């Protein structure tokens, strides 16, 4: 089954999703809702949500990434999510008897750059056994046989007075979800189809639409438009269905609300790119990376061949690191600094040096990059130039002292051809030293104090985006990339 990356232009209905929430499993982040009373009918329910995965589960010591679970006790539960082989699975037990089991092929959800729409729809009153639990991925029903099919009229723990968790499984060992989640609907009393929540656009890509559904007593809708940490209408777990079944957030903060959504997908680092970084750890929805090995390289999952692009990054502890641009058909492996091999350009060190095409282009920009500085890049692929800044000012070659972008110095970007694709990435140039970088392509993992978008209104940046430059997201790529 092939899942295209969602984003860009949709159908004329024009339904847009503005927010998502980012779960970091190292933070034990989740939210939960416990019904005050069980639903009158627990034989029918639907869960619909959009998922963009974080780091690979296989990197986390046999971790499982669970995103919707209801746990009464170790013998009565339902768990849903991804296992270490990037398969999606569902298991439900009642009185320690397995009553439902479903699992996809290994590797089916391996793409960490894509938004997936998942619908689980339950109705055990149906006479046709296979229809009692239906699963849809990006609008297509998965009709493979269930490993265990629920009996007719079988009730699960769903919709009883047990804790309903979004972002974790806690029935035995706590397994938390890692990645993004958006537009979550939980329906009490109805088995809906995927077509009630989405549609195919003119290019055959599955996109969201405004759902016309009835939520029932214990149902809820999560749009993740608020930033508070309480279980109310101002919290990150605010229920916007009209039921006021607000979820209680745990270890979630305002910085976990992002603008990376199924209708506008933002660039992140690529955890599948492991040529030289097998020991690295990714977090914050693949916008933060920690490396302990000199020579580790990290690429993004977007490539661009033209246009003008802006992004920022934060360095918690300055070391010999380099940010680079490189044609997509090359891989700068080994311990060489990015920029020290052909067709790469890199900014390196605390007294910034520009490396380009195998040699030092500028030995010292006469400025410093210090711990927790936010560095700015503007990349012009129409004219093959790069501009560097920090703290809201741009460099003119004599320090970071130009608030007016028109006074910034342009540095040449080398390419093997004018139509070659450029990807962005990082390099740990410090042998034996640790390395941490936090990337902001418009979906920052760190707190933004001011909040700036590009001219199209996309992204959330600390500093003003230069005129004519844009965030690396699918809507902008569709227009400029």
Protein backbone atom coordinates (compact mmCIF):
# COMPACT_ATOMS: atom_id res chain seq x y z
CA UNK A 1 0.00 0.00 0.00
CA UNK A 2 1.48 3.39 -1.03
CA UNK A 3 0.81 6.52 1.01
CA UNK A 4 1.58 9.82 -0.78
CA UNK A 5 2.85 12.78 1.22
CA UNK A 6 -0.06 15.05 2.03
CA UNK A 7 0.12 18.80 1.43
CA UNK A 8 -0.16 21.49 -1.19
CA UNK A 9 -3.33 22.21 -3.08
CA UNK A 10 -6.52 20.33 -2.23
CA UNK A 11 -10.05 20.12 -3.56
CA UNK A 12 -12.29 23.20 -3.89
CA UNK A 13 -13.80 22.45 -0.47
CA UNK A 14 -10.62 24.10 0.82
CA UNK A 15 -10.72 22.61 4.31
CA UNK A 16 -7.58 23.56 6.21
CA UNK A 17 -6.12 22.23 9.46
CA UNK A 18 -4.16 24.86 11.35
CA UNK A 19 -2.53 22.94 14.20
CA UNK A 20 -1.10 19.67 15.42
CA UNK A 21 0.39 18.46 18.68
CA UNK A 22 3.89 17.01 18.97
CA UNK A 23 4.47 14.11 21.38
CA UNK A 24 8.01 13.40 22.57
CA UNK A 25 8.08 9.94 24.12
CA UNK A 26 11.21 10.71 26.17
CA UNK A 27 9.04 13.24 28.02
CA UNK A 28 6.35 10.62 28.78
CA UNK A 29 3.89 12.99 27.11
CA UNK A 30 0.24 12.00 26.76
CA UNK A 31 -3.31 13.14 27.52
CA UNK A 32 -6.21 11.26 29.04
CA UNK A 33 -9.96 11.36 29.56
CA UNK A 34 -11.96 9.19 31.95
CA UNK A 35 -15.74 9.12 31.36
CA UNK A 36 -17.76 9.79 34.48
CA UNK A 37 -20.17 7.04 33.41
CA UNK A 38 -20.07 4.30 30.80
CA UNK A 39 -21.84 4.85 27.50
CA UNK A 40 -25.23 3.24 27.04
CA UNK A 41 -23.93 1.25 24.06
CA UNK A 42 -20.28 0.21 24.04
CA UNK A 43 -20.61 -1.87 20.88
CA UNK A 44 -20.12 1.06 18.47
CA UNK A 45 -17.35 3.66 18.25
CA UNK A 46 -14.96 5.35 15.81
CA UNK A 47 -11.49 6.86 16.19
CA UNK A 48 -10.16 9.10 13.42
CA UNK A 49 -6.88 11.01 13.44
CA UNK A 50 -3.91 12.18 11.39
CA UNK A 51 -0.45 10.90 12.35
CA UNK A 52 3.08 11.94 11.37
CA UNK A 53 5.62 9.68 12.98
CA UNK A 54 8.65 10.81 14.98
CA UNK A 55 11.83 8.77 15.36
CA UNK A 56 12.00 5.08 14.56
CA UNK A 57 10.65 2.79 17.24
CA UNK A 58 13.41 0.27 16.51
CA UNK A 59 15.92 2.81 17.85
CA UNK A 60 14.25 2.83 21.24
CA UNK A 61 15.19 -0.57 22.61
CA UNK A 62 12.12 -2.42 21.33
CA UNK A 63 9.81 0.46 22.12
CA UNK A 64 6.25 0.56 20.82
CA UNK A 65 4.60 3.82 19.82
CA UNK A 66 0.99 3.68 21.03
CA UNK A 67 -1.41 6.54 20.32
CA UNK A 68 -4.92 5.46 21.42
CA UNK A 69 -5.40 3.07 24.32
CA UNK A 70 -8.05 2.32 26.95
CA UNK A 71 -6.77 0.51 30.01
CA UNK A 72 -8.95 -0.91 32.77
CA UNK A 73 -6.25 -3.28 34.07
CA UNK A 74 -3.68 -5.77 32.74
CA UNK A 75 -6.47 -8.13 31.65
CA UNK A 76 -8.88 -5.63 30.10
CA UNK A 77 -7.61 -3.14 27.54
CA UNK A 78 -7.27 -2.06 23.92
CA UNK A 79 -3.98 -0.77 22.54
CA UNK A 80 -3.38 0.74 19.11
CA UNK A 81 -0.19 2.02 17.51
CA UNK A 82 3.08 1.09 15.79
CA UNK A 83 5.48 -1.69 16.69
CA UNK A 84 9.24 -1.95 16.14
CA UNK A 85 8.83 -3.17 12.55
CA UNK A 86 6.83 -0.05 11.53
CA UNK A 87 3.63 -2.09 11.38
CA UNK A 88 0.33 -0.81 12.77
CA UNK A 89 -1.48 -3.11 15.17
CA UNK A 90 -4.51 -3.29 17.43
CA UNK A 91 -4.98 -5.69 20.32
CA UNK A 92 -7.97 -5.91 22.69
CA UNK A 93 -8.46 -8.23 25.63
CA UNK A 94 -11.45 -8.80 27.91
CA UNK A 95 -11.02 -10.86 31.10
CA UNK A 96 -7.55 -11.76 29.79
CA UNK A 97 -9.01 -13.26 26.60
CA UNK A 98 -7.94 -11.78 23.29
CA UNK A 99 -11.11 -10.63 21.53
CA UNK A 100 -9.62 -8.48 18.74
CA UNK A 101 -6.31 -8.58 16.89
CA UNK A 102 -5.28 -6.71 13.73
CA UNK A 103 -1.82 -6.04 12.28
CA UNK A 104 -0.46 -4.66 9.00
CA UNK A 105 2.68 -5.67 7.15
CA UNK A 106 6.07 -4.71 8.55
CA UNK A 107 7.42 -1.43 7.20
CA UNK A 108 4.04 -0.16 6.05
CA UNK A 109 4.42 3.03 8.12
CA UNK A 110 8.13 3.58 7.62
CA UNK A 111 7.86 7.05 6.06
CA UNK A 112 8.54 9.66 8.74
CA UNK A 113 7.89 12.61 6.42
CA UNK A 114 4.26 11.72 5.62
CA UNK A 115 0.97 12.42 7.32
CA UNK A 116 -1.19 9.28 7.58
CA UNK A 117 -4.93 9.32 8.18
CA UNK A 118 -6.07 6.38 10.31
CA UNK A 119 -9.67 5.45 11.02
CA UNK A 120 -10.67 2.60 13.34
CA UNK A 121 -14.41 1.89 13.26
CA UNK A 122 -16.07 -0.65 15.56
CA UNK A 123 -19.60 -2.10 15.46
CA UNK A 124 -19.89 -5.54 16.99
CA UNK A 125 -23.67 -5.69 16.43
CA UNK A 126 -23.12 -6.47 12.73
CA UNK A 127 -23.84 -9.93 11.41
CA UNK A 128 -20.87 -9.95 9.03
CA UNK A 129 -17.94 -10.71 11.32
CA UNK A 130 -15.22 -8.91 9.30
CA UNK A 131 -17.22 -5.64 9.31
CA UNK A 132 -17.26 -5.43 13.09
CA UNK A 133 -13.81 -3.80 13.09
CA UNK A 134 -12.89 -1.75 10.02
CA UNK A 135 -9.60 0.06 9.47
CA UNK A 136 -8.84 2.74 6.84
CA UNK A 137 -5.46 4.17 5.89
CA UNK A 138 -5.55 7.37 3.83
CA UNK A 139 -9.09 6.66 2.70
CA UNK A 140 -8.54 3.03 1.69
CA UNK A 141 -10.03 0.24 3.77
CA UNK A 142 -7.60 -2.51 4.79
CA UNK A 143 -9.63 -5.67 4.30
CA UNK A 144 -7.07 -8.27 5.35
CA UNK A 145 -8.37 -10.91 7.74
CA UNK A 146 -8.37 -10.12 11.44
CA UNK A 147 -6.16 -12.39 13.51
CA UNK A 148 -8.94 -12.40 16.10
CA UNK A 149 -12.47 -11.27 15.21
CA UNK A 150 -14.75 -9.95 17.97
CA UNK A 151 -17.89 -11.92 18.74
CA UNK A 152 -21.22 -10.34 17.91
CA UNK A 153 -22.20 -7.69 20.50
CA UNK A 154 -18.75 -7.87 22.11
CA UNK A 155 -18.06 -4.87 24.35
CA UNK A 156 -14.49 -3.67 24.85
CA UNK A 157 -13.04 -1.35 27.47
CA UNK A 158 -13.71 1.53 25.07
CA UNK A 159 -16.40 3.88 26.39
CA UNK A 160 -16.48 2.38 29.88
CA UNK A 161 -15.18 4.33 32.90
CA UNK A 162 -11.54 3.39 32.26
CA UNK A 163 -8.83 5.90 31.42
CA UNK A 164 -8.83 6.73 27.69
CA UNK A 165 -5.29 7.69 26.66
CA UNK A 166 -4.11 9.69 23.65
CA UNK A 167 -0.38 9.24 23.22
CA UNK A 168 0.40 6.26 25.44
CA UNK A 169 -0.36 2.69 26.49
CA UNK A 170 -0.19 2.13 30.24
CA UNK A 171 -1.87 -1.23 30.73
CA UNK A 172 1.42 -2.87 31.71
CA UNK A 173 4.61 -1.08 30.65
CA UNK A 174 4.11 2.54 29.59
CA UNK A 175 4.77 2.92 25.86
CA UNK A 176 4.36 6.48 24.63
CA UNK A 177 3.74 7.74 21.12
CA UNK A 178 6.43 9.80 19.39
CA UNK A 179 5.48 12.20 16.61
CA UNK A 180 2.69 14.53 15.53
CA UNK A 181 -1.06 14.11 15.80
CA UNK A 182 -3.78 16.29 14.27
CA UNK A 183 -7.58 16.52 13.90
CA UNK A 184 -8.61 13.71 16.25
CA UNK A 185 -12.24 12.59 16.44
CA UNK A 186 -13.51 10.04 18.94
CA UNK A 187 -17.11 8.97 18.31
CA UNK A 188 -19.42 7.38 20.85
CA UNK A 189 -22.21 5.24 19.37
CA UNK A 190 -21.54 5.21 15.59
CA UNK A 191 -19.28 3.31 13.20
CA UNK A 192 -18.19 5.89 10.60
CA UNK A 193 -16.17 5.37 7.40
CA UNK A 194 -13.04 7.24 6.32
CA UNK A 195 -15.13 9.16 3.78
CA UNK A 196 -16.83 10.94 6.68
CA UNK A 197 -13.51 12.60 7.54
CA UNK A 198 -11.63 12.93 4.24
CA UNK A 199 -11.74 12.84 0.44
CA UNK A 200 -9.47 12.32 -2.55
CA UNK A 201 -8.33 15.46 -4.33
CA UNK A 202 -7.99 15.82 -8.11
CA UNK A 203 -4.52 14.26 -7.95
CA UNK A 204 -5.72 11.19 -6.08
CA UNK A 205 -4.23 12.29 -2.73
CA UNK A 206 -6.28 11.75 0.41
CA UNK A 207 -6.96 15.03 2.21
CA UNK A 208 -9.10 16.02 5.22
CA UNK A 209 -12.54 17.56 5.03
CA UNK A 210 -14.90 19.04 7.61
CA UNK A 211 -16.51 16.09 9.39
CA UNK A 212 -20.29 16.05 9.82
CA UNK A 213 -20.57 13.53 12.65
CA UNK A 214 -22.42 12.98 15.91
CA UNK A 215 -20.05 12.53 18.85
CA UNK A 216 -22.36 10.89 21.38
CA UNK A 217 -22.06 11.29 25.14
CA UNK A 218 -18.42 10.41 25.66
CA UNK A 219 -17.02 11.47 22.29
CA UNK A 220 -14.61 14.34 21.72
CA UNK A 221 -12.79 16.32 19.03
CA UNK A 222 -9.22 17.58 19.39
CA UNK A 223 -8.06 20.44 17.14
CA UNK A 224 -5.03 21.44 19.25
CA UNK A 225 -5.60 25.18 18.89
CA UNK A 226 -4.95 26.03 22.55
CA UNK A 227 -1.74 26.00 24.59
CA UNK A 228 -2.80 25.63 28.23
CA UNK A 229 -1.92 22.69 30.47
CA UNK A 230 -5.28 22.19 32.22
CA UNK A 231 -8.26 20.04 31.28
CA UNK A 232 -10.45 22.87 30.01
CA UNK A 233 -11.32 24.80 26.85
CA UNK A 234 -7.96 26.63 26.98
CA UNK A 235 -5.85 23.47 27.26
CA UNK A 236 -3.96 21.55 24.60
CA UNK A 237 -6.51 18.76 25.09
CA UNK A 238 -9.56 21.01 24.63
CA UNK A 239 -12.62 19.16 23.29
CA UNK A 240 -14.22 21.21 20.52
CA UNK A 241 -17.07 18.76 19.79
CA UNK A 242 -19.44 20.65 22.08
CA UNK A 243 -19.32 17.92 24.74
CA UNK A 244 -16.65 19.62 26.87
CA UNK A 245 -14.96 16.25 27.40
CA UNK A 246 -11.62 18.01 27.79
CA UNK A 247 -8.54 15.81 28.09
CA UNK A 248 -5.95 16.20 30.83
CA UNK A 249 -2.46 16.87 29.38
CA UNK A 250 0.59 15.33 30.98
CA UNK A 251 4.11 16.61 30.23
CA UNK A 252 2.84 18.65 27.30
CA UNK A 253 3.56 22.37 26.85
CA UNK A 254 2.76 25.28 24.56
CA UNK A 255 5.84 24.46 22.46
CA UNK A 256 4.22 21.12 21.59
CA UNK A 257 1.49 22.87 19.59
CA UNK A 258 2.79 23.25 16.02
CA UNK A 259 1.70 24.44 12.58
CA UNK A 260 2.91 21.23 10.88
CA UNK A 261 -0.37 19.71 9.69
CA UNK A 262 -1.91 17.33 7.13
CA UNK A 263 -2.78 20.31 4.93
CA UNK A 264 0.68 21.92 5.22
CA UNK A 265 3.52 19.50 5.90
CA UNK A 266 6.79 21.02 7.17
CA UNK A 267 10.35 19.81 6.69
CA UNK A 268 12.02 17.82 9.46
CA UNK A 269 15.22 15.84 9.84
CA UNK A 270 15.12 12.33 8.40
CA UNK A 271 15.65 9.52 10.97
CA UNK A 272 15.87 6.93 8.18
CA UNK A 273 19.11 8.51 6.90
CA UNK A 274 21.62 6.45 8.86
CA UNK A 275 24.73 6.31 6.69
CA UNK A 276 26.91 7.87 9.38
CA UNK A 277 24.71 8.51 12.40
CA UNK A 278 23.61 5.15 13.78
CA UNK A 279 24.12 6.32 17.38
CA UNK A 280 22.23 9.62 17.03
CA UNK A 281 18.95 10.26 18.81
CA UNK A 282 16.07 12.24 17.33
CA UNK A 283 13.32 13.95 19.29
CA UNK A 284 10.71 16.72 19.14
CA UNK A 285 9.14 15.34 15.99
CA UNK A 286 12.55 15.01 14.27
CA UNK A 287 13.40 18.69 14.71
CA UNK A 288 16.07 18.04 17.37
CA UNK A 289 19.06 15.72 17.08
CA UNK A 290 21.83 14.72 19.48
CA UNK A 291 25.05 13.16 18.19
CA UNK A 292 27.96 11.79 20.18
CA UNK A 293 30.24 11.00 17.25
CA UNK A 294 32.35 13.32 15.14
CA UNK A 295 31.44 12.87 11.50
CA UNK A 296 27.75 12.18 12.08
CA UNK A 297 25.61 13.66 9.28
CA UNK A 298 21.89 14.41 9.24
CA UNK A 299 19.78 15.32 6.24
CA UNK A 300 16.30 16.76 5.96
CA UNK A 301 13.46 15.04 4.17
CA UNK A 302 12.69 17.86 1.69
CA UNK A 303 14.62 18.80 -1.42
CA UNK A 304 14.29 22.03 -3.42
CA UNK A 305 15.67 22.99 -6.82
CA UNK A 306 14.60 26.64 -7.01
CA UNK A 307 13.04 29.41 -4.98
CA UNK A 308 14.06 31.35 -1.87
CA UNK A 309 13.90 29.71 1.53
CA UNK A 310 14.29 30.76 5.15
CA UNK A 311 14.89 28.72 8.31
CA UNK A 312 16.44 29.01 11.76
CA UNK A 313 18.30 26.77 14.16
CA UNK A 314 19.28 26.94 17.80
CA UNK A 315 22.56 25.62 19.21
CA UNK A 316 22.26 24.79 22.93
CA UNK A 317 26.04 24.31 23.22
CA UNK A 318 28.28 25.66 20.47
CA UNK A 319 30.81 23.15 19.16
CA UNK A 320 32.41 22.34 15.84
CA UNK A 321 29.18 21.91 13.96
CA UNK A 322 28.26 22.81 10.43
CA UNK A 323 25.01 23.44 8.63
CA UNK A 324 25.10 22.74 4.93
CA UNK A 325 23.36 22.64 1.58
CA UNK A 326 24.19 19.74 -0.72
CA UNK A 327 22.84 18.36 -4.01
CA UNK A 328 20.54 15.46 -3.35
CA UNK A 329 22.55 12.98 -5.42
CA UNK A 330 25.62 13.38 -3.19
CA UNK A 331 26.17 12.17 0.35
CA UNK A 332 28.90 13.83 2.43
CA UNK A 333 29.90 10.80 4.43
CA UNK A 334 32.98 10.41 6.62
CA UNK A 335 34.44 12.98 8.98
CA UNK A 336 35.01 15.77 6.44
CA UNK A 337 33.36 19.06 7.28
CA UNK A 338 30.36 19.82 5.17
CA UNK A 339 31.55 22.39 2.73
CA UNK A 340 34.92 20.67 2.50
CA UNK A 341 33.68 18.35 -0.26
CA UNK A 342 32.51 19.39 -3.71
CA UNK A 343 29.11 20.99 -4.19
CA UNK A 344 28.51 21.68 -0.50
CA UNK A 345 28.41 24.92 1.44
CA UNK A 346 28.67 25.01 5.22
CA UNK A 347 28.79 27.40 8.16
CA UNK A 348 31.11 26.08 10.84
CA UNK A 349 32.19 26.84 14.41
CA UNK A 350 31.72 29.54 17.05
CA UNK A 351 33.85 32.05 15.11
CA UNK A 352 31.93 31.25 11.96
CA UNK A 353 33.87 30.01 8.97
CA UNK A 354 32.28 29.40 5.58
CA UNK A 355 33.45 26.27 3.80
CA UNK A 356 32.56 25.91 0.16
CA UNK A 357 33.34 23.40 -2.57
CA UNK A 358 36.28 21.83 -0.76
CA UNK A 359 38.03 24.87 0.71
CA UNK A 360 37.65 27.78 3.12
CA UNK A 361 35.65 30.55 1.45
CA UNK A 362 35.57 32.97 4.41
CA UNK A 363 37.92 32.27 7.31
CA UNK A 364 36.06 34.41 9.85
CA UNK A 365 32.84 36.41 9.65
CA UNK A 366 34.19 38.59 12.50
CA UNK A 367 31.31 37.63 14.74
CA UNK A 368 30.60 34.90 17.25
CA UNK A 369 27.93 32.25 17.66
CA UNK A 370 27.34 31.48 21.33
CA UNK A 371 25.33 28.94 23.31
CA UNK A 372 21.57 29.18 22.68
CA UNK A 373 21.94 31.63 19.80
CA UNK A 374 19.32 31.36 17.09
CA UNK A 375 21.03 31.37 13.70
CA UNK A 376 19.19 32.51 10.55
CA UNK A 377 19.69 31.25 7.00
CA UNK A 378 18.21 32.66 3.81
CA UNK A 379 18.88 30.45 0.78
CA UNK A 380 18.35 31.86 -2.71
CA UNK A 381 18.40 29.03 -5.27
CA UNK A 382 17.36 31.33 -8.11
CA UNK A 383 20.69 33.16 -7.83
CA UNK A 384 22.66 30.48 -5.90
CA UNK A 385 23.39 32.62 -2.86
CA UNK A 386 23.19 32.10 0.90
CA UNK A 387 22.83 34.75 3.64
CA UNK A 388 23.67 34.17 7.31
CA UNK A 389 22.41 35.90 10.45
CA UNK A 390 21.86 35.49 14.16
CA UNK A 391 19.73 37.19 16.78
CA UNK A 392 17.76 39.18 14.23
CA UNK A 393 20.79 40.67 12.46
CA UNK A 394 22.54 39.63 9.26
CA UNK A 395 26.24 39.50 8.54
CA UNK A 396 27.98 41.78 6.07
CA UNK A 397 31.26 39.94 6.60
CA UNK A 398 32.21 42.18 9.52
CA UNK A 399 30.04 40.73 12.27
CA UNK A 400 26.29 40.21 12.65
CA UNK A 401 25.32 43.88 12.65
CA UNK A 402 22.86 44.45 9.80
CA UNK A 403 19.21 44.64 10.78
CA UNK A 404 18.28 45.44 7.16
CA UNK A 405 18.47 42.29 5.04
CA UNK A 406 19.27 44.39 1.95
CA UNK A 407 22.64 45.19 3.55
CA UNK A 408 23.54 41.52 4.14
CA UNK A 409 26.40 39.94 2.21
CA UNK A 410 25.53 37.21 -0.28
CA UNK A 411 27.78 34.13 -0.26
CA UNK A 412 27.86 31.86 -3.28
CA UNK A 413 26.23 28.46 -3.11
CA UNK A 414 27.90 25.85 -5.32
CA UNK A 415 25.85 23.27 -7.21
CA UNK A 416 26.68 20.56 -9.70
CA UNK A 417 24.01 22.02 -11.98
CA UNK A 418 21.47 24.82 -11.75
CA UNK A 419 18.57 22.37 -11.57
CA UNK A 420 20.07 20.01 -8.97
CA UNK A 421 18.02 19.42 -5.86
CA UNK A 422 19.35 20.85 -2.62
CA UNK A 423 18.71 19.29 0.75
CA UNK A 424 19.66 20.78 4.10
CA UNK A 425 21.45 18.99 6.84
CA UNK A 426 23.85 19.01 9.76
CA UNK A 427 27.32 17.70 10.45
CA UNK A 428 29.06 17.03 13.75
CA UNK A 429 32.59 18.20 13.05
CA UNK A 430 33.84 17.74 16.61
CA UNK A 431 35.64 14.42 17.02
CA UNK A 432 34.67 12.73 20.28
CA UNK A 433 32.32 15.53 21.28
CA UNK A 434 28.56 15.64 21.65
CA UNK A 435 26.44 17.74 19.36
CA UNK A 436 22.90 19.07 19.70
CA UNK A 437 20.94 21.08 17.15
CA UNK A 438 17.35 22.26 17.20
CA UNK A 439 15.95 23.04 13.75
CA UNK A 440 13.13 25.45 12.98
CA UNK A 441 11.76 25.11 9.48
CA UNK A 442 8.66 26.89 10.77
CA UNK A 443 7.75 24.28 13.41
CA UNK A 444 10.24 25.12 16.17
CA UNK A 445 10.97 22.69 19.01
CA UNK A 446 11.97 25.66 21.21
CA UNK A 447 9.96 28.56 22.58
CA UNK A 448 9.32 31.43 20.17
CA UNK A 449 9.02 34.80 21.91
CA UNK A 450 7.89 36.96 18.99
CA UNK A 451 6.28 34.79 16.30
CA UNK A 452 6.90 35.61 12.65
CA UNK A 453 5.44 33.95 9.56
CA UNK A 454 6.48 34.27 5.92
CA UNK A 455 4.53 36.45 3.47
CA UNK A 456 2.08 33.58 2.86
CA UNK A 457 1.38 33.31 6.58
CA UNK A 458 3.23 30.01 7.03
CA UNK A 459 5.66 29.05 9.75
CA UNK A 460 6.45 30.28 13.26
CA UNK A 461 9.87 31.92 13.44
CA UNK A 462 11.70 33.96 16.06
CA UNK A 463 12.82 36.61 13.59
CA UNK A 464 11.30 38.36 10.61
CA UNK A 465 11.43 36.40 7.36
CA UNK A 466 13.14 38.42 4.57
CA UNK A 467 10.83 39.61 1.83
CA UNK A 468 10.50 37.03 -0.93
CA UNK A 469 11.72 34.11 1.23
CA UNK A 470 9.49 31.30 2.46
CA UNK A 471 9.24 28.46 4.98
CA UNK A 472 10.03 24.91 3.86
CA UNK A 473 6.51 23.48 3.78
CA UNK A 474 4.45 21.70 1.16
CA UNK A 475 2.20 24.65 0.33
CA UNK A 476 5.24 26.79 -0.44
CA UNK A 477 6.95 23.95 -2.29
CA UNK A 478 3.90 23.57 -4.50
CA UNK A 479 4.15 27.26 -5.41
CA UNK A 480 7.88 28.02 -5.46
CA UNK A 481 9.91 24.79 -5.25
